[in-house]
């Protein structure tokens, strides 16, 4: 039987490896908000403010520079994409770096990209970490999406991981 994203376990507790967080910090400087997090992730992310599933980032304002590795379940990722778009359009979020599956066929992916200025199509699948720090095997590839006024800085930093494309939207 072939592995397919539809077979996703629904486990949202997978953490970003340090090398991607370090590169996001090169671009953003620091993270003001991580809207989809928990105390374990914050040991690596170190955002000024973060929200968990218990205090829902979907109900808060995302002010400043946002780092996000959202939950990948179909329902939640749609909600986080819509919230990111809203926060950018309101001017609350000034810049963002988001790590997501490269699900270009989905509405949430297109919505997230509608407010972005660049995307890095990663040449290797990210080996996310479980709560014990052990790497897991993802079911599909990922990309990193950047929104803000400095896509050149993003491209300069992230091109070592894959192809960086400037996004042309409306």
Protein backbone atom coordinates (compact mmCIF):
# COMPACT_ATOMS: atom_id res chain seq x y z
CA UNK A 1 0.00 0.00 0.00
CA UNK A 2 1.36 3.42 -0.95
CA UNK A 3 1.84 6.13 1.62
CA UNK A 4 -0.48 9.05 0.96
CA UNK A 5 -1.26 12.30 2.78
CA UNK A 6 -4.86 11.12 3.24
CA UNK A 7 -3.42 8.53 5.64
CA UNK A 8 -2.13 11.27 7.96
CA UNK A 9 -2.39 10.24 11.60
CA UNK A 10 -3.92 13.56 12.61
CA UNK A 11 -1.24 13.97 15.28
CA UNK A 12 -0.47 17.69 15.42
CA UNK A 13 2.41 17.35 17.88
CA UNK A 14 5.38 17.49 15.53
CA UNK A 15 8.05 20.14 15.95
CA UNK A 16 10.20 22.15 13.56
CA UNK A 17 13.89 21.26 13.40
CA UNK A 18 16.30 23.97 14.57
CA UNK A 19 17.85 24.69 11.17
CA UNK A 20 14.56 26.03 9.80
CA UNK A 21 13.88 28.09 12.92
CA UNK A 22 17.39 29.52 12.76
CA UNK A 23 16.88 30.53 9.13
CA UNK A 24 13.50 32.08 9.91
CA UNK A 25 15.23 34.13 12.63
CA UNK A 26 17.80 35.34 10.10
CA UNK A 27 14.90 36.70 8.04
CA UNK A 28 12.59 37.99 10.79
CA UNK A 29 15.10 38.77 13.53
CA UNK A 30 12.88 37.36 16.25
CA UNK A 31 9.39 35.94 16.55
CA UNK A 32 6.74 38.11 18.15
CA UNK A 33 4.00 35.48 17.90
CA UNK A 34 3.74 31.75 17.41
CA UNK A 35 -0.02 31.20 17.16
CA UNK A 36 0.01 27.38 17.01
CA UNK A 37 2.39 26.18 19.65
CA UNK A 38 2.95 24.63 23.05
CA UNK A 39 5.61 24.74 25.80
CA UNK A 40 7.68 21.94 24.22
CA UNK A 41 7.88 23.74 20.86
CA UNK A 42 8.75 27.01 22.61
CA UNK A 43 11.98 25.51 23.91
CA UNK A 44 13.14 25.88 20.28
CA UNK A 45 10.92 28.63 18.87
CA UNK A 46 11.27 31.18 21.69
CA UNK A 47 8.51 33.55 20.51
CA UNK A 48 7.64 36.58 22.66
CA UNK A 49 4.03 35.35 22.76
CA UNK A 50 2.58 31.99 21.86
CA UNK A 51 -0.78 30.32 21.92
CA UNK A 52 -1.68 26.68 22.46
CA UNK A 53 -4.69 24.54 21.67
CA UNK A 54 -5.91 25.45 25.15
CA UNK A 55 -5.87 29.24 24.64
CA UNK A 56 -6.50 29.18 20.87
CA UNK A 57 -4.41 31.47 18.73
CA UNK A 58 -7.39 31.65 16.38
CA UNK A 59 -9.10 33.93 18.89
CA UNK A 60 -6.15 36.29 19.42
CA UNK A 61 -4.47 39.07 17.43
CA UNK A 62 -1.16 38.16 15.84
CA UNK A 63 0.80 41.38 16.20
CA UNK A 64 4.24 41.78 14.66
CA UNK A 65 6.43 39.07 13.18
CA UNK A 66 4.82 35.64 13.09
CA UNK A 67 6.41 32.21 13.00
CA UNK A 68 3.95 29.40 12.35
CA UNK A 69 4.09 25.66 11.90
CA UNK A 70 0.32 25.18 12.00
CA UNK A 71 -1.53 21.99 12.80
CA UNK A 72 -1.85 20.04 9.56
CA UNK A 73 -5.28 18.53 10.13
CA UNK A 74 -7.61 19.59 7.31
CA UNK A 75 -10.01 21.59 9.47
CA UNK A 76 -7.39 23.41 11.53
CA UNK A 77 -5.02 24.34 8.74
CA UNK A 78 -7.87 26.03 6.86
CA UNK A 79 -8.65 28.07 9.95
CA UNK A 80 -5.02 29.07 10.52
CA UNK A 81 -4.59 30.06 6.85
CA UNK A 82 -7.70 32.25 7.01
CA UNK A 83 -6.54 33.83 10.27
CA UNK A 84 -3.09 34.60 8.85
CA UNK A 85 -4.63 36.25 5.81
CA UNK A 86 -6.94 38.28 8.05
CA UNK A 87 -4.13 39.40 10.37
CA UNK A 88 -1.98 40.51 7.41
CA UNK A 89 -4.87 42.41 5.80
CA UNK A 90 -5.60 44.19 9.10
CA UNK A 91 -1.95 45.17 9.47
CA UNK A 92 -1.53 43.30 12.75
CA UNK A 93 0.98 40.86 11.27
CA UNK A 94 3.83 42.73 9.61
CA UNK A 95 5.88 39.75 8.44
CA UNK A 96 5.61 35.97 8.62
CA UNK A 97 7.38 32.71 7.95
CA UNK A 98 5.18 29.61 7.77
CA UNK A 99 6.15 25.97 7.37
CA UNK A 100 3.44 23.86 5.70
CA UNK A 101 2.94 20.89 3.42
CA UNK A 102 3.32 21.77 -0.26
CA UNK A 103 -0.37 21.22 -0.87
CA UNK A 104 -0.73 23.54 -3.86
CA UNK A 105 -4.06 21.96 -4.81
CA UNK A 106 -5.78 23.13 -1.63
CA UNK A 107 -7.76 26.32 -1.04
CA UNK A 108 -5.94 26.97 2.25
CA UNK A 109 -2.56 26.88 0.49
CA UNK A 110 -3.71 29.34 -2.16
CA UNK A 111 -5.21 31.59 0.52
CA UNK A 112 -1.98 31.60 2.50
CA UNK A 113 0.02 32.39 -0.62
CA UNK A 114 -2.38 35.21 -1.56
CA UNK A 115 -0.81 37.40 1.12
CA UNK A 116 2.75 36.10 0.75
CA UNK A 117 5.65 37.48 -1.25
CA UNK A 118 7.84 34.38 -1.65
CA UNK A 119 7.84 30.63 -1.16
CA UNK A 120 10.66 28.12 -0.81
CA UNK A 121 9.92 24.72 -2.33
CA UNK A 122 12.07 22.52 -0.11
CA UNK A 123 14.22 19.99 -1.94
CA UNK A 124 13.99 17.50 0.93
CA UNK A 125 11.15 16.52 3.21
CA UNK A 126 11.41 18.02 6.67
CA UNK A 127 12.09 15.49 9.38
CA UNK A 128 9.83 16.92 12.04
CA UNK A 129 10.61 16.07 15.65
CA UNK A 130 8.28 14.23 18.00
CA UNK A 131 7.91 15.36 21.64
CA UNK A 132 10.99 13.28 22.55
CA UNK A 133 13.09 14.97 19.85
CA UNK A 134 13.12 11.97 17.51
CA UNK A 135 12.69 12.71 13.80
CA UNK A 136 9.61 11.45 12.01
CA UNK A 137 9.03 10.58 8.37
CA UNK A 138 6.58 12.99 6.72
CA UNK A 139 4.03 11.78 4.20
CA UNK A 140 4.71 14.55 1.69
CA UNK A 141 7.04 17.43 0.97
CA UNK A 142 6.90 20.85 2.57
CA UNK A 143 7.47 24.46 1.70
CA UNK A 144 8.22 27.62 3.61
CA UNK A 145 6.06 30.65 2.87
CA UNK A 146 7.22 34.22 3.51
CA UNK A 147 5.07 37.32 3.77
CA UNK A 148 6.48 40.79 4.18
CA UNK A 149 8.54 43.49 2.55
CA UNK A 150 11.86 41.67 2.41
CA UNK A 151 11.55 38.69 0.05
CA UNK A 152 15.20 39.16 -0.98
CA UNK A 153 16.40 38.41 2.56
CA UNK A 154 14.11 35.38 2.59
CA UNK A 155 15.44 34.18 -0.77
CA UNK A 156 19.06 34.70 0.25
CA UNK A 157 18.57 32.64 3.41
CA UNK A 158 16.22 29.89 2.22
CA UNK A 159 17.63 29.13 -1.23
CA UNK A 160 20.09 26.74 0.41
CA UNK A 161 17.07 24.49 1.14
CA UNK A 162 15.38 24.58 -2.25
CA UNK A 163 13.94 26.73 -5.00
CA UNK A 164 12.68 30.15 -3.89
CA UNK A 165 9.95 31.73 -6.00
CA UNK A 166 8.70 35.26 -5.85
CA UNK A 167 4.92 35.28 -5.69
CA UNK A 168 2.94 37.56 -7.94
CA UNK A 169 -0.57 37.98 -6.62
CA UNK A 170 -3.35 40.36 -7.58
